[in-house]
């Protein structure tokens, strides 16, 4: 097969979306297929290598640090030259020109939906937009042959759209993220970690506010924050004098894995998260998690390795304290359970599932 992947909002400090597109694409190549990736960049370029053919299209920078392809004519030209047997679009609306191209030329098309627009919009806007989003999703459902979502939660916004819908979980690199040879040394200070983009759609404010609430209660703890984004200064102000430390973006996956291993609990508390790769990376390192009681991340865990609560700092602080007691009294078993949970999600299974969809579209 000749598979074309397309994604906007993929940049040097992107998190889960960039890793998902890369892991799937490399998996397609390892399975013997040809892979094209089209993404935005500072200039037009074409690179051929072990990751297949990567085409960047000169695109304007957005205020959040991402870029977005505006010249869809170039997208169509690249697709025509490559001649894909199917396309996989990791963007709901700004890459819809690729779906239109595929429909025009009878090429199989997949929309890999990485976000839930209705809940995300409610986090940013003060007025109701679910009706407009439903109309957009109905249009997209008609445009693409398949709509693939990563959790049952993310499937929710596609109800009554007539989408040919499929749930396919993503994965975690179980060799890159490991528990290490020994557990971290016990500490009187509760060591918390948040790793992710510091942008409102990821709810870092909720994680920081939870740490502030714990500090207000007199809990001996600190929160290490890894990531960058448009709300860094806002989060620093929210943290105030609480022991919250901002370390910036970690480009090294090995360093991020070490940061998880050195922590007692990972906070992944966004209630609108459609998957939660950070959850799996923490669990793969043997670090239990606290999540919101709704959203896609909650579907990845069970009570063997996680606690959850309503997305409110007071209730999440309660969940952290419940987990801290478990860490204190049964830390080794908890870390083993965390790793076992992560092992349910190897990237090989995600690649196999997506290849089955591409093969079905090529028959």
Protein backbone atom coordinates (compact mmCIF):
# COMPACT_ATOMS: atom_id res chain seq x y z
CA UNK A 1 0.00 0.00 0.00
CA UNK A 2 0.94 3.63 -0.44
CA UNK A 3 -0.28 5.49 2.64
CA UNK A 4 -0.32 9.27 2.90
CA UNK A 5 -0.55 10.82 6.35
CA UNK A 6 -1.45 14.49 6.79
CA UNK A 7 -1.39 16.61 9.94
CA UNK A 8 -1.48 20.25 10.91
CA UNK A 9 -0.37 21.67 14.27
CA UNK A 10 2.70 19.42 14.39
CA UNK A 11 5.80 21.22 15.61
CA UNK A 12 9.13 20.69 17.37
CA UNK A 13 7.51 20.74 20.82
CA UNK A 14 4.32 18.88 19.91
CA UNK A 15 3.40 15.99 22.13
CA UNK A 16 0.99 13.14 21.59
CA UNK A 17 -0.16 13.98 18.07
CA UNK A 18 3.37 14.15 16.69
CA UNK A 19 4.35 10.86 18.37
CA UNK A 20 1.18 9.11 17.21
CA UNK A 21 1.66 10.13 13.58
CA UNK A 22 5.34 9.15 13.71
CA UNK A 23 4.80 5.78 15.41
CA UNK A 24 1.99 4.80 13.05
CA UNK A 25 3.95 5.93 9.98
CA UNK A 26 7.09 4.04 10.94
CA UNK A 27 4.96 1.01 11.68
CA UNK A 28 3.51 1.16 8.18
CA UNK A 29 7.03 1.20 6.73
CA UNK A 30 8.15 -1.72 8.88
CA UNK A 31 5.15 -3.67 7.58
CA UNK A 32 6.42 -3.13 4.03
CA UNK A 33 4.29 -0.20 2.87
CA UNK A 34 5.23 3.19 1.42
CA UNK A 35 4.60 6.23 3.60
CA UNK A 36 4.20 9.92 2.80
CA UNK A 37 3.81 12.52 5.55
CA UNK A 38 2.61 16.05 4.80
CA UNK A 39 3.05 18.61 7.60
CA UNK A 40 3.49 22.39 7.92
CA UNK A 41 6.95 23.92 8.25
CA UNK A 42 8.90 27.16 7.91
CA UNK A 43 9.72 26.39 4.26
CA UNK A 44 8.88 23.91 1.52
CA UNK A 45 11.04 20.80 1.74
CA UNK A 46 11.13 17.12 0.84
CA UNK A 47 13.07 14.55 2.86
CA UNK A 48 13.44 10.86 2.02
CA UNK A 49 14.73 8.49 4.67
CA UNK A 50 13.88 5.64 7.02
CA UNK A 51 10.68 7.49 7.98
CA UNK A 52 9.52 7.51 4.35
CA UNK A 53 8.91 10.71 2.39
CA UNK A 54 8.29 13.77 4.56
CA UNK A 55 7.01 16.87 2.82
CA UNK A 56 6.81 20.16 4.68
CA UNK A 57 4.73 22.95 3.20
CA UNK A 58 5.66 26.55 3.99
CA UNK A 59 3.04 27.69 6.48
CA UNK A 60 2.48 30.68 8.76
CA UNK A 61 3.29 30.39 12.45
CA UNK A 62 0.39 30.68 14.87
CA UNK A 63 0.52 32.42 18.23
CA UNK A 64 0.59 29.08 20.06
CA UNK A 65 3.85 28.10 18.37
CA UNK A 66 2.24 25.77 15.85
CA UNK A 67 2.03 26.19 12.08
CA UNK A 68 -0.97 25.55 9.83
CA UNK A 69 -0.97 24.75 6.12
CA UNK A 70 -2.91 27.43 4.24
CA UNK A 71 -1.97 26.56 0.66
CA UNK A 72 -4.13 23.47 0.10
CA UNK A 73 -3.27 23.59 -3.60
CA UNK A 74 0.20 22.34 -2.68
CA UNK A 75 -1.33 19.55 -0.61
CA UNK A 76 -3.32 18.33 -3.59
CA UNK A 77 -0.26 18.52 -5.85
CA UNK A 78 1.85 16.45 -3.44
CA UNK A 79 -0.89 13.84 -3.12
CA UNK A 80 -1.27 13.60 -6.88
CA UNK A 81 2.47 13.05 -7.34
CA UNK A 82 2.63 10.37 -4.63
CA UNK A 83 -0.48 8.51 -5.80
CA UNK A 84 -1.64 7.07 -2.45
CA UNK A 85 -3.86 4.02 -2.17
CA UNK A 86 -5.34 5.62 0.97
CA UNK A 87 -4.91 8.75 3.08
CA UNK A 88 -4.98 9.26 6.84
CA UNK A 89 -5.80 12.78 8.02
CA UNK A 90 -5.02 13.70 11.64
CA UNK A 91 -6.89 16.98 11.59
CA UNK A 92 -10.61 17.58 11.70
CA UNK A 93 -11.13 20.60 9.47
CA UNK A 94 -8.01 22.49 8.35
CA UNK A 95 -6.90 19.54 6.18
CA UNK A 96 -10.35 18.78 4.80
CA UNK A 97 -9.07 19.61 1.30
CA UNK A 98 -7.26 16.26 1.40
CA UNK A 99 -10.54 14.48 2.09
CA UNK A 100 -12.15 16.31 -0.81
CA UNK A 101 -9.23 15.30 -3.07
CA UNK A 102 -9.59 11.66 -2.04
CA UNK A 103 -13.33 11.69 -2.66
CA UNK A 104 -12.86 13.22 -6.10
CA UNK A 105 -10.31 10.61 -7.21
CA UNK A 106 -11.79 7.57 -5.49
CA UNK A 107 -8.96 7.16 -2.96
CA UNK A 108 -9.79 5.60 0.41
CA UNK A 109 -9.81 8.15 3.23
CA UNK A 110 -9.53 7.99 7.01
CA UNK A 111 -10.09 10.81 9.46
CA UNK A 112 -8.11 10.02 12.62
CA UNK A 113 -9.86 12.22 15.17
CA UNK A 114 -7.48 13.30 17.97
CA UNK A 115 -9.68 15.84 19.74
CA UNK A 116 -13.27 16.25 20.85
CA UNK A 117 -14.26 19.65 19.56
CA UNK A 118 -17.53 20.02 21.47
CA UNK A 119 -15.94 19.62 24.92
CA UNK A 120 -12.81 21.52 23.90
CA UNK A 121 -14.91 24.46 22.72
CA UNK A 122 -16.74 24.52 26.04
CA UNK A 123 -13.36 24.96 27.79
CA UNK A 124 -12.60 28.11 25.77
CA UNK A 125 -15.93 29.74 24.91
CA UNK A 126 -18.73 31.22 26.97
CA UNK A 127 -21.50 30.34 24.51
CA UNK A 128 -22.97 27.12 23.12
CA UNK A 129 -21.49 25.79 19.86
CA UNK A 130 -22.37 22.08 20.01
CA UNK A 131 -24.96 22.51 17.24
CA UNK A 132 -22.43 23.99 14.83
CA UNK A 133 -19.87 21.30 15.70
CA UNK A 134 -22.45 18.58 15.09
CA UNK A 135 -23.09 20.01 11.62
CA UNK A 136 -19.33 20.08 10.94
CA UNK A 137 -19.02 16.45 12.05
CA UNK A 138 -21.92 15.40 9.83
CA UNK A 139 -20.14 16.99 6.88
CA UNK A 140 -16.86 15.28 7.77
CA UNK A 141 -18.63 11.94 8.24
CA UNK A 142 -19.84 12.21 4.66
CA UNK A 143 -16.43 13.34 3.39
CA UNK A 144 -14.32 10.47 4.82
CA UNK A 145 -14.77 6.74 4.29
CA UNK A 146 -13.84 6.00 7.91
CA UNK A 147 -13.67 8.02 11.09
CA UNK A 148 -11.28 6.52 13.64
CA UNK A 149 -11.36 7.66 17.27
CA UNK A 150 -9.06 6.58 20.08
CA UNK A 151 -11.52 6.09 22.97
CA UNK A 152 -15.23 5.61 23.58
CA UNK A 153 -15.26 9.11 25.05
CA UNK A 154 -13.97 10.64 21.81
CA UNK A 155 -16.63 8.71 19.89
CA UNK A 156 -19.34 10.66 21.71
CA UNK A 157 -19.37 13.68 19.45
CA UNK A 158 -19.90 11.50 16.36
CA UNK A 159 -23.25 10.13 17.48
CA UNK A 160 -26.05 10.70 14.94
CA UNK A 161 -23.64 11.85 12.24
CA UNK A 162 -23.78 8.61 10.21
CA UNK A 163 -20.00 8.33 10.47
CA UNK A 164 -18.48 4.95 9.62
CA UNK A 165 -16.94 4.94 13.08
CA UNK A 166 -14.22 2.77 14.61
CA UNK A 167 -12.47 2.92 17.99
CA UNK A 168 -8.73 2.19 17.79
CA UNK A 169 -6.56 2.91 20.82
CA UNK A 170 -3.06 4.27 20.32
CA UNK A 171 0.01 2.93 22.10
CA UNK A 172 3.07 3.59 24.20
CA UNK A 173 6.73 2.78 23.60
CA UNK A 174 7.30 0.05 26.20
CA UNK A 175 11.05 -0.07 25.53
CA UNK A 176 11.57 3.67 25.84
CA UNK A 177 9.41 4.06 28.95
CA UNK A 178 10.32 1.43 31.54
CA UNK A 179 10.30 1.19 35.35
CA UNK A 180 14.08 0.98 35.48
CA UNK A 181 16.08 -1.42 37.58
CA UNK A 182 14.88 -0.15 40.95
CA UNK A 183 12.15 1.99 42.42
CA UNK A 184 12.98 5.55 43.53
CA UNK A 185 14.19 6.01 47.08
CA UNK A 186 11.36 6.63 49.56
CA UNK A 187 10.83 10.28 50.45
CA UNK A 188 8.82 12.18 53.04
CA UNK A 189 8.01 14.68 50.30
CA UNK A 190 5.29 13.58 47.89
CA UNK A 191 6.74 13.89 44.38
CA UNK A 192 4.18 14.86 41.74
CA UNK A 193 4.71 15.33 37.99
CA UNK A 194 2.76 16.94 35.17
CA UNK A 195 4.09 16.45 31.64
CA UNK A 196 2.28 18.01 28.71
CA UNK A 197 1.65 21.11 26.70
CA UNK A 198 1.04 24.20 28.82
CA UNK A 199 -2.07 25.20 26.92
CA UNK A 200 -5.62 25.37 28.20
CA UNK A 201 -6.93 22.40 26.19
CA UNK A 202 -4.61 20.14 28.23
CA UNK A 203 -5.78 21.56 31.60
CA UNK A 204 -2.36 22.28 33.16
CA UNK A 205 -4.14 24.91 35.26
CA UNK A 206 -6.09 22.12 36.94
CA UNK A 207 -2.91 20.21 37.77
CA UNK A 208 -1.22 23.31 39.21
CA UNK A 209 -4.34 24.29 41.15
CA UNK A 210 -4.42 20.79 42.65
CA UNK A 211 -0.85 21.24 43.86
CA UNK A 212 -1.79 24.63 45.31
CA UNK A 213 -4.70 23.01 47.16
CA UNK A 214 -2.41 20.32 48.59
CA UNK A 215 0.04 23.00 49.71
CA UNK A 216 -2.81 24.92 51.35
CA UNK A 217 -3.61 21.78 53.36
CA UNK A 218 -0.03 21.58 54.57
CA UNK A 219 0.92 18.51 52.55
CA UNK A 220 4.67 18.04 52.15
CA UNK A 221 4.89 17.78 48.37
CA UNK A 222 6.21 19.33 45.19
CA UNK A 223 5.01 19.33 41.59
CA UNK A 224 7.48 19.19 38.70
CA UNK A 225 6.02 20.57 35.47
CA UNK A 226 7.54 19.55 32.13
CA UNK A 227 6.36 21.24 28.96
CA UNK A 228 5.97 24.54 27.22
CA UNK A 229 3.09 26.52 25.79
CA UNK A 230 1.32 29.86 25.75
CA UNK A 231 0.22 29.82 29.40
CA UNK A 232 3.53 29.41 31.22
CA UNK A 233 3.43 32.79 32.97
CA UNK A 234 -0.23 32.39 33.81
CA UNK A 235 0.57 29.06 35.47
CA UNK A 236 3.50 30.54 37.38
CA UNK A 237 1.16 33.19 38.75
CA UNK A 238 -1.40 30.54 39.68
CA UNK A 239 1.25 28.52 41.53
CA UNK A 240 2.27 31.50 43.64
CA UNK A 241 4.47 30.38 46.53
CA UNK A 242 3.45 26.72 46.29
CA UNK A 243 6.30 24.27 45.52
CA UNK A 244 5.61 24.03 41.78
CA UNK A 245 8.70 23.93 39.57
CA UNK A 246 8.64 24.63 35.82
CA UNK A 247 11.38 22.82 33.91
CA UNK A 248 10.41 23.60 30.32
CA UNK A 249 10.16 21.19 27.43
CA UNK A 250 12.10 17.92 27.51
CA UNK A 251 13.05 16.85 24.00
CA UNK A 252 14.80 13.71 25.28
CA UNK A 253 12.40 10.82 25.78
CA UNK A 254 14.98 9.17 28.05
CA UNK A 255 15.01 12.23 30.32
CA UNK A 256 11.22 12.32 30.40
CA UNK A 257 11.11 8.62 31.33
CA UNK A 258 13.59 9.30 34.14
CA UNK A 259 11.42 12.17 35.38
CA UNK A 260 8.41 9.84 35.52
CA UNK A 261 10.41 7.14 37.34
CA UNK A 262 11.55 9.66 39.95
CA UNK A 263 7.95 10.65 40.73
CA UNK A 264 5.40 9.12 43.07
CA UNK A 265 2.27 10.18 41.16
CA UNK A 266 1.61 11.63 37.70
CA UNK A 267 -1.22 14.14 37.23
CA UNK A 268 -3.16 13.78 33.95
CA UNK A 269 -6.35 15.53 34.91
CA UNK A 270 -7.76 17.02 31.68
CA UNK A 271 -11.49 16.16 31.46
CA UNK A 272 -11.50 16.65 27.66
CA UNK A 273 -8.48 14.44 26.88
CA UNK A 274 -9.41 12.07 24.06
CA UNK A 275 -6.66 9.55 24.71
CA UNK A 276 -3.89 10.35 27.20
CA UNK A 277 -0.46 9.30 25.95
CA UNK A 278 1.09 10.93 29.04
CA UNK A 279 -0.96 8.55 31.18
CA UNK A 280 0.49 5.51 29.41
CA UNK A 281 4.04 6.87 29.50
CA UNK A 282 3.81 7.36 33.26
CA UNK A 283 2.29 3.92 33.81
CA UNK A 284 4.92 2.27 31.60
CA UNK A 285 7.55 3.77 33.94
CA UNK A 286 5.71 2.27 36.92
CA UNK A 287 4.28 5.58 38.10
CA UNK A 288 0.60 5.55 39.15
CA UNK A 289 -1.68 8.34 37.96
CA UNK A 290 -4.50 10.58 39.08
CA UNK A 291 -6.98 11.50 36.34
CA UNK A 292 -10.28 13.29 35.96
CA UNK A 293 -13.31 11.03 36.30
CA UNK A 294 -14.32 11.73 32.72
CA UNK A 295 -12.54 11.97 29.40
CA UNK A 296 -10.50 9.49 27.42
CA UNK A 297 -7.62 9.15 29.89
CA UNK A 298 -9.97 7.58 32.45
CA UNK A 299 -10.62 4.69 30.03
CA UNK A 300 -6.93 3.70 30.03
CA UNK A 301 -6.70 2.97 33.75
CA UNK A 302 -8.32 0.93 36.50
CA UNK A 303 -8.15 1.05 40.28
CA UNK A 304 -5.06 -1.15 40.34
CA UNK A 305 -2.88 1.80 39.32
CA UNK A 306 -4.98 4.97 39.38
CA UNK A 307 -7.30 7.23 41.32
CA UNK A 308 -9.73 9.68 39.77
CA UNK A 309 -12.07 12.47 40.79
CA UNK A 310 -14.23 15.28 39.48
CA UNK A 311 -12.11 17.87 37.61
CA UNK A 312 -11.95 20.23 40.57
CA UNK A 313 -8.77 20.97 42.57
CA UNK A 314 -10.38 20.07 45.90
CA UNK A 315 -11.59 16.65 44.76
CA UNK A 316 -8.41 15.94 42.79
CA UNK A 317 -6.34 16.78 45.87
CA UNK A 318 -8.39 14.19 47.75
CA UNK A 319 -7.59 11.65 45.02
CA UNK A 320 -3.87 12.49 45.25
CA UNK A 321 -3.95 11.88 49.00
CA UNK A 322 -5.69 8.54 48.52
CA UNK A 323 -3.03 7.53 46.05
CA UNK A 324 -0.23 8.78 48.29
CA UNK A 325 -1.41 6.41 51.02
CA UNK A 326 -1.28 3.54 48.56
CA UNK A 327 2.22 4.57 47.46
CA UNK A 328 3.36 4.68 51.06
CA UNK A 329 1.94 1.29 52.05
CA UNK A 330 2.20 -0.78 48.86
CA UNK A 331 4.45 1.11 46.46
CA UNK A 332 6.15 -1.88 44.79
CA UNK A 333 2.87 -3.65 43.95
CA UNK A 334 1.40 -0.37 42.71
CA UNK A 335 4.31 0.22 40.36
CA UNK A 336 4.04 -3.32 39.01
CA UNK A 337 0.30 -2.84 38.42
CA UNK A 338 1.00 0.44 36.59
CA UNK A 339 3.45 -1.24 34.23
CA UNK A 340 1.06 -4.15 33.64
CA UNK A 341 -1.70 -1.72 32.69
CA UNK A 342 0.54 0.08 30.17
CA UNK A 343 1.51 -3.23 28.56
CA UNK A 344 -2.05 -3.55 27.27
CA UNK A 345 -1.26 -0.79 24.77
CA UNK A 346 1.75 -1.69 22.59
CA UNK A 347 2.22 0.39 19.45
CA UNK A 348 2.25 -2.82 17.41
CA UNK A 349 -1.45 -3.33 18.17
CA UNK A 350 -2.31 0.23 17.11
CA UNK A 351 -0.36 -0.12 13.85
CA UNK A 352 -2.02 -3.45 13.12
CA UNK A 353 -5.47 -2.01 13.73
CA UNK A 354 -4.89 1.00 11.49
CA UNK A 355 -3.35 -1.11 8.72
CA UNK A 356 -6.49 -3.26 8.73
CA UNK A 357 -8.54 -0.13 8.02
CA UNK A 358 -6.22 0.96 5.20
CA UNK A 359 -6.29 -2.55 3.68
CA UNK A 360 -10.08 -2.59 3.83
CA UNK A 361 -10.23 0.69 1.91
CA UNK A 362 -7.89 -0.65 -0.78
CA UNK A 363 -9.98 -3.73 -1.60
